[in-house]
């Protein structure tokens, strides 16, 4: 309980430019573990299912391995997804070629700033600090300008 409270207090305020990226460990749609590492340059985070669906289609069009090749990770907040919805959603998510990290604990993403209808895009430096924070609306924009091929 003490560790959970420490995590919540440490990351309770939204991440700002210059801040260290929160420590996030979760499994992807294929059951493989993911942890934020120093080789990441982009962290794409989504917390709305309709936005996630649009982003999944756009990212899938880039092909398998595109995110990893470009030192990026795509995280989806699923903490509020009901168990019955997971039964239907997870098999569909496995069909996407890109790696989708499924974050099941709300406190892991508590410090990530979000805008309605958008994917949060954090650009990271080599020290795992946030260089820029921007927002991509996959329903209206072809790809985030910082992340376009």
Protein backbone atom coordinates (compact mmCIF):
# COMPACT_ATOMS: atom_id res chain seq x y z
CA UNK A 1 0.00 0.00 0.00
CA UNK A 2 2.86 2.38 0.82
CA UNK A 3 4.43 1.79 -2.61
CA UNK A 4 1.12 2.52 -4.32
CA UNK A 5 0.72 5.77 -2.39
CA UNK A 6 4.29 6.77 -3.21
CA UNK A 7 3.65 6.09 -6.88
CA UNK A 8 0.45 8.12 -6.85
CA UNK A 9 2.04 11.06 -5.06
CA UNK A 10 5.16 10.99 -7.23
CA UNK A 11 3.16 10.97 -10.45
CA UNK A 12 -0.06 12.68 -9.34
CA UNK A 13 0.68 15.93 -11.18
CA UNK A 14 0.68 15.87 -14.98
CA UNK A 15 4.01 15.24 -16.65
CA UNK A 16 5.61 18.40 -18.05
CA UNK A 17 8.49 19.01 -20.42
CA UNK A 18 11.71 18.15 -18.58
CA UNK A 19 10.08 15.62 -16.25
CA UNK A 20 11.12 11.98 -16.14
CA UNK A 21 8.67 9.67 -17.86
CA UNK A 22 6.70 7.54 -15.36
CA UNK A 23 7.82 3.96 -14.90
CA UNK A 24 5.35 1.81 -16.81
CA UNK A 25 5.38 -1.97 -17.00
CA UNK A 26 2.56 -3.89 -18.67
CA UNK A 27 1.83 -6.66 -21.16
CA UNK A 28 1.05 -6.20 -24.82
CA UNK A 29 -1.85 -7.77 -26.73
CA UNK A 30 0.20 -10.97 -27.19
CA UNK A 31 1.12 -11.31 -23.51
CA UNK A 32 4.72 -10.05 -23.83
CA UNK A 33 6.02 -7.70 -21.15
CA UNK A 34 6.91 -4.09 -21.88
CA UNK A 35 8.83 -1.60 -19.75
CA UNK A 36 9.74 2.00 -20.61
CA UNK A 37 13.42 1.85 -21.55
CA UNK A 38 16.15 4.27 -22.55
CA UNK A 39 15.91 3.39 -26.23
CA UNK A 40 12.44 4.94 -26.58
CA UNK A 41 12.05 8.27 -28.35
CA UNK A 42 8.25 8.39 -28.58
CA UNK A 43 5.53 7.25 -26.23
CA UNK A 44 2.02 7.28 -27.71
CA UNK A 45 -0.69 6.92 -25.07
CA UNK A 46 -4.43 6.63 -25.59
CA UNK A 47 -7.17 6.53 -22.95
CA UNK A 48 -10.38 6.56 -25.01
CA UNK A 49 -11.61 3.48 -26.87
CA UNK A 50 -12.95 5.37 -29.91
CA UNK A 51 -9.61 7.17 -30.27
CA UNK A 52 -7.76 3.88 -29.82
CA UNK A 53 -9.74 2.28 -32.64
CA UNK A 54 -8.86 5.11 -35.05
CA UNK A 55 -5.20 5.09 -33.94
CA UNK A 56 -5.00 1.30 -34.31
CA UNK A 57 -6.03 1.54 -37.95
CA UNK A 58 -3.55 4.33 -38.73
CA UNK A 59 -0.69 2.60 -36.92
CA UNK A 60 -1.48 -0.77 -38.51
CA UNK A 61 -1.10 0.84 -41.94
CA UNK A 62 2.54 1.59 -41.05
CA UNK A 63 3.20 -2.15 -40.75
CA UNK A 64 4.66 -4.56 -38.24
CA UNK A 65 7.84 -3.36 -36.57
CA UNK A 66 7.40 0.30 -37.53
CA UNK A 67 7.01 1.46 -33.94
CA UNK A 68 10.01 -0.50 -32.71
CA UNK A 69 12.17 0.60 -35.65
CA UNK A 70 11.37 4.21 -34.80
CA UNK A 71 11.95 3.73 -31.06
CA UNK A 72 8.30 4.20 -30.21
CA UNK A 73 5.76 2.47 -28.00
CA UNK A 74 1.98 2.62 -28.17
CA UNK A 75 0.13 2.28 -24.85
CA UNK A 76 -3.59 1.81 -24.43
CA UNK A 77 -5.31 2.49 -21.11
CA UNK A 78 -7.69 -0.42 -20.50
CA UNK A 79 -8.15 -0.13 -16.74
CA UNK A 80 -11.85 0.75 -17.09
CA UNK A 81 -12.63 -1.88 -19.74
CA UNK A 82 -15.14 -4.41 -18.32
CA UNK A 83 -14.13 -8.06 -18.30
CA UNK A 84 -16.79 -9.03 -20.84
CA UNK A 85 -15.55 -6.36 -23.25
CA UNK A 86 -12.01 -7.71 -22.90
CA UNK A 87 -13.21 -11.12 -24.08
CA UNK A 88 -14.20 -9.57 -27.40
CA UNK A 89 -11.55 -6.85 -27.67
CA UNK A 90 -8.39 -8.85 -27.00
CA UNK A 91 -8.73 -11.24 -29.97
CA UNK A 92 -9.29 -8.23 -32.25
CA UNK A 93 -6.25 -6.44 -30.81
CA UNK A 94 -4.06 -9.47 -31.54
CA UNK A 95 -4.79 -9.04 -35.25
CA UNK A 96 -3.04 -5.67 -35.39
CA UNK A 97 0.58 -5.87 -36.55
CA UNK A 98 1.81 -3.14 -34.20
CA UNK A 99 2.58 -3.80 -30.58
CA UNK A 100 -0.16 -2.44 -28.31
CA UNK A 101 0.81 -2.26 -24.65
CA UNK A 102 -2.30 -2.76 -22.53
CA UNK A 103 -2.06 -0.76 -19.31
CA UNK A 104 -4.45 -2.21 -16.74
CA UNK A 105 -3.56 -0.04 -13.73
CA UNK A 106 -4.86 3.54 -13.76
CA UNK A 107 -2.06 4.84 -11.55
CA UNK A 108 0.55 3.97 -14.19
CA UNK A 109 -0.91 6.58 -16.53
CA UNK A 110 -2.15 9.06 -13.91
CA UNK A 111 0.57 11.58 -14.76
CA UNK A 112 0.06 11.47 -18.53
CA UNK A 113 -1.78 14.56 -19.82
CA UNK A 114 -4.71 13.82 -22.13
CA UNK A 115 -6.95 15.87 -24.41
CA UNK A 116 -10.37 14.55 -25.45
CA UNK A 117 -10.31 12.77 -28.79
CA UNK A 118 -6.50 12.61 -28.96
CA UNK A 119 -3.52 10.32 -28.51
CA UNK A 120 -0.89 11.88 -26.24
CA UNK A 121 2.54 11.86 -27.90
CA UNK A 122 5.53 12.23 -25.59
CA UNK A 123 8.90 12.73 -27.25
CA UNK A 124 11.64 11.50 -24.91
CA UNK A 125 15.33 12.27 -24.66
CA UNK A 126 18.09 9.74 -23.94
CA UNK A 127 17.67 10.29 -20.19
CA UNK A 128 13.96 9.29 -20.37
CA UNK A 129 12.84 12.88 -19.83
CA UNK A 130 9.97 14.45 -21.74
CA UNK A 131 11.21 16.75 -24.55
CA UNK A 132 7.80 17.61 -25.99
CA UNK A 133 4.15 16.85 -25.31
CA UNK A 134 1.75 16.96 -28.21
CA UNK A 135 -1.62 15.54 -29.16
CA UNK A 136 -2.68 13.66 -32.28
CA UNK A 137 -6.30 13.22 -33.33
CA UNK A 138 -6.24 10.06 -35.46
CA UNK A 139 -9.81 10.70 -36.67
CA UNK A 140 -8.84 13.94 -38.43
CA UNK A 141 -5.07 13.81 -38.98
CA UNK A 142 -3.32 11.23 -41.15
CA UNK A 143 -0.44 10.82 -38.68
CA UNK A 144 1.15 12.86 -35.96
CA UNK A 145 3.64 15.27 -37.63
CA UNK A 146 6.47 14.24 -35.29
CA UNK A 147 5.86 10.62 -36.05
CA UNK A 148 4.95 10.52 -39.74
CA UNK A 149 7.00 8.27 -42.02
